Amino acid sequence: MTIIRILLLASWIVISGCAGEEVKNETKPAIPFTLSTTDSVQHKLQDYHGKIVMLNFWADWCPSCRKEFPKMQQVYEKLKMQGFVILAVNSGQSWEHVSQIKEEFGLTFPVLVDEQAGVAKLYNVKGLPASYFIDENSMIQEVYIGWIKEEKIIEIFNQIKSRPEKT
């Protein structure tokens, strides 16, 4: 039964995305969640309040998702000291598989495992890759569907960083 659910989820995501580009300006509260990395370290979205978070949903069967990893790693290295965090949430794949991908690309930002794609469902992810940019006050500021370039990540980070503080 689990395999059927995973196949249905994969089919749904393939049909609805994995390449097209779409940007949405959305200002709404980020939905709290807790997921673990492949080395069993738990990460709560709330732990990153005060930072700018790129919440990236991906799966390795999506060529655009794989293409993003080297650029995401480069941006993370450039911006992490300025309060930038990437949380890469794998949707629907096993711990072992996600661990292999993290090793393959040498990723140093948190790579989280969501085997049942529950967090992707909470965020209403319609296609992969999907990146939600969350400000220091845990508000979603932008949603970017499709492959995102390094320059675009930096541009969105700078836009969020330069916005006046909201209380």
Protein backbone atom coordinates (compact mmCIF):
# COMPACT_ATOMS: atom_id res chain seq x y z
CA MET A 1 0.00 0.00 0.00
CA THR A 2 2.85 2.41 0.82
CA ILE A 3 4.47 1.80 -2.56
CA ILE A 4 1.20 2.60 -4.29
CA ARG A 5 0.90 5.88 -2.33
CA ILE A 6 4.47 6.84 -3.23
CA LEU A 7 3.88 6.04 -6.90
CA LEU A 8 0.67 8.06 -6.92
CA LEU A 9 2.46 10.99 -5.25
CA ALA A 10 5.34 10.77 -7.72
CA SER A 11 2.93 10.65 -10.66
CA TRP A 12 1.01 13.62 -9.32
CA ILE A 13 4.19 15.66 -8.89
CA VAL A 14 5.54 14.71 -12.33
CA ILE A 15 2.28 15.66 -14.01
CA SER A 16 2.03 18.94 -12.15
CA GLY A 17 5.61 20.16 -12.20
CA CYS A 18 9.35 19.55 -12.32
CA ALA A 19 10.58 22.30 -14.57
CA GLY A 20 8.13 25.14 -15.16
CA GLU A 21 8.90 28.44 -13.49
CA GLU A 22 6.39 30.33 -11.42
CA VAL A 23 6.83 33.00 -8.76
CA LYS A 24 4.13 33.88 -6.28
CA ASN A 25 4.31 36.70 -3.81
CA GLU A 26 2.58 35.28 -0.80
CA THR A 27 2.65 36.78 2.64
CA LYS A 28 1.22 34.30 5.08
CA PRO A 29 2.48 32.44 8.15
CA ALA A 30 4.78 29.50 7.51
CA ILE A 31 3.32 26.21 8.74
CA PRO A 32 5.37 24.75 11.60
CA PHE A 33 6.81 21.26 11.17
CA THR A 34 9.45 18.95 12.57
CA LEU A 35 11.50 16.61 10.37
CA SER A 36 14.77 14.74 10.80
CA THR A 37 17.92 14.66 8.74
CA THR A 38 19.42 11.40 7.53
CA ASP A 39 21.57 11.34 10.67
CA SER A 40 18.44 11.60 12.87
CA VAL A 41 18.86 15.22 13.94
CA GLN A 42 15.45 16.83 14.34
CA HIS A 43 14.81 20.25 12.83
CA LYS A 44 11.82 22.39 13.70
CA LEU A 45 10.97 25.28 11.43
CA GLN A 46 10.39 27.39 14.57
CA ASP A 47 14.10 26.96 15.44
CA TYR A 48 14.94 29.24 12.51
CA HIS A 49 12.80 32.21 13.61
CA GLY A 50 14.99 35.29 13.11
CA LYS A 51 16.63 33.90 9.97
CA ILE A 52 15.68 33.93 6.30
CA VAL A 53 14.82 30.39 5.26
CA MET A 54 14.67 28.84 1.82
CA LEU A 55 12.39 25.84 2.31
CA ASN A 56 13.10 23.71 -0.76
CA PHE A 57 10.99 20.66 -1.67
CA TRP A 58 12.68 18.15 -3.96
CA ALA A 59 13.05 14.55 -5.12
CA ASP A 60 16.03 13.14 -6.94
CA TRP A 61 14.02 11.77 -9.88
CA CYS A 62 13.36 15.42 -10.80
CA PRO A 63 16.24 16.60 -13.05
CA SER A 64 15.66 20.25 -12.11
CA CYS A 65 15.94 19.38 -8.42
CA ARG A 66 19.31 17.72 -8.95
CA LYS A 67 20.47 20.65 -11.07
CA GLU A 68 19.73 23.08 -8.22
CA PHE A 69 21.89 21.43 -5.57
CA PRO A 70 25.35 22.77 -6.56
CA LYS A 71 24.01 26.33 -6.85
CA MET A 72 22.08 26.05 -3.61
CA GLN A 73 25.26 24.90 -1.85
CA GLN A 74 27.20 27.86 -3.28
CA VAL A 75 24.54 30.37 -2.19
CA TYR A 76 24.33 28.78 1.24
CA GLU A 77 28.10 29.17 1.69
CA LYS A 78 27.91 32.83 0.61
CA LEU A 79 24.93 33.85 2.75
CA LYS A 80 24.85 31.62 5.84
CA MET A 81 26.76 34.17 7.94
CA GLN A 82 24.09 36.75 7.04
CA GLY A 83 21.29 34.66 8.56
CA PHE A 84 20.36 32.54 5.53
CA VAL A 85 19.29 28.92 5.99
CA ILE A 86 18.33 26.28 3.45
CA LEU A 87 16.08 23.45 4.59
CA ALA A 88 15.91 20.92 1.74
CA VAL A 89 12.91 18.64 2.25
CA ASN A 90 12.92 15.43 0.25
CA SER A 91 9.38 14.39 -0.60
CA GLY A 92 8.56 10.71 -0.65
CA GLN A 93 11.92 8.93 -0.72
CA SER A 94 13.70 6.72 1.81
CA TRP A 95 16.27 7.76 4.42
CA GLU A 96 18.95 5.68 2.73
CA HIS A 97 18.28 7.19 -0.67
CA VAL A 98 18.28 10.77 0.65
CA SER A 99 21.53 10.09 2.50
CA GLN A 100 23.17 8.96 -0.75
CA ILE A 101 22.05 12.13 -2.54
CA LYS A 102 23.36 14.35 0.28
CA GLU A 103 26.74 12.60 0.02
CA GLU A 104 26.79 12.71 -3.78
CA PHE A 105 26.36 16.49 -3.85
CA GLY A 106 28.35 17.25 -0.66
CA LEU A 107 25.49 19.23 0.86
CA THR A 108 26.19 20.95 4.17
CA PHE A 109 22.77 22.53 4.76
CA PRO A 110 20.07 20.44 6.48
CA VAL A 111 18.59 17.80 4.17
CA LEU A 112 15.34 16.60 5.72
CA VAL A 113 13.46 13.38 5.07
CA ASP A 114 9.68 13.46 4.53
CA GLU A 115 9.04 9.86 3.42
CA GLN A 116 5.26 10.25 3.36
CA ALA A 117 5.42 13.79 1.86
CA GLY A 118 3.27 15.10 4.71
CA VAL A 119 5.02 18.48 4.91
CA ALA A 120 4.76 18.89 1.12
CA LYS A 121 1.02 18.32 1.50
CA LEU A 122 0.83 20.88 4.34
CA TYR A 123 2.48 23.43 2.05
CA ASN A 124 0.27 22.43 -0.88
CA VAL A 125 3.26 21.68 -3.10
CA LYS A 126 2.02 21.19 -6.66
CA GLY A 127 5.32 20.55 -8.45
CA LEU A 128 9.02 20.05 -7.82
CA PRO A 129 11.28 21.76 -7.17
CA ALA A 130 9.39 24.25 -5.03
CA SER A 131 11.06 26.86 -2.84
CA TYR A 132 9.29 28.84 -0.13
CA PHE A 133 11.16 31.90 1.12
CA ILE A 134 10.36 32.60 4.76
CA ASP A 135 11.36 35.83 6.48
CA GLU A 136 12.75 36.42 9.97
CA ASN A 137 9.22 36.57 11.39
CA SER A 138 8.27 33.14 10.00
CA MET A 139 6.15 34.62 7.21
CA ILE A 140 6.24 33.17 3.70
CA GLN A 141 7.23 36.03 1.41
CA GLU A 142 7.68 34.27 -1.93
CA VAL A 143 7.04 30.89 -3.48
CA TYR A 144 9.15 29.86 -6.45
CA ILE A 145 8.08 26.80 -8.43
CA GLY A 146 10.67 25.34 -10.80
CA TRP A 147 14.43 25.40 -11.13
CA ILE A 148 15.86 28.46 -9.41
CA LYS A 149 19.17 30.04 -10.35
CA GLU A 150 21.78 31.18 -7.85
CA GLU A 151 21.23 34.83 -8.80
CA LYS A 152 17.49 34.55 -8.14
CA ILE A 153 18.04 33.07 -4.67
CA ILE A 154 20.38 35.96 -3.81
CA GLU A 155 17.92 38.49 -5.25
CA ILE A 156 15.03 37.12 -3.17
CA PHE A 157 17.23 36.98 -0.05
CA ASN A 158 18.25 40.64 -0.53
CA GLN A 159 14.65 41.72 -1.13
CA ILE A 160 13.49 40.05 2.08
CA LYS A 161 16.50 41.36 4.03
CA SER A 162 15.88 44.94 2.88
CA ARG A 163 12.18 45.01 3.77
CA PRO A 164 11.28 47.19 6.74
CA GLU A 165 10.80 45.28 9.99
CA LYS A 166 7.24 44.19 10.58
CA THR A 167 6.02 43.69 14.11
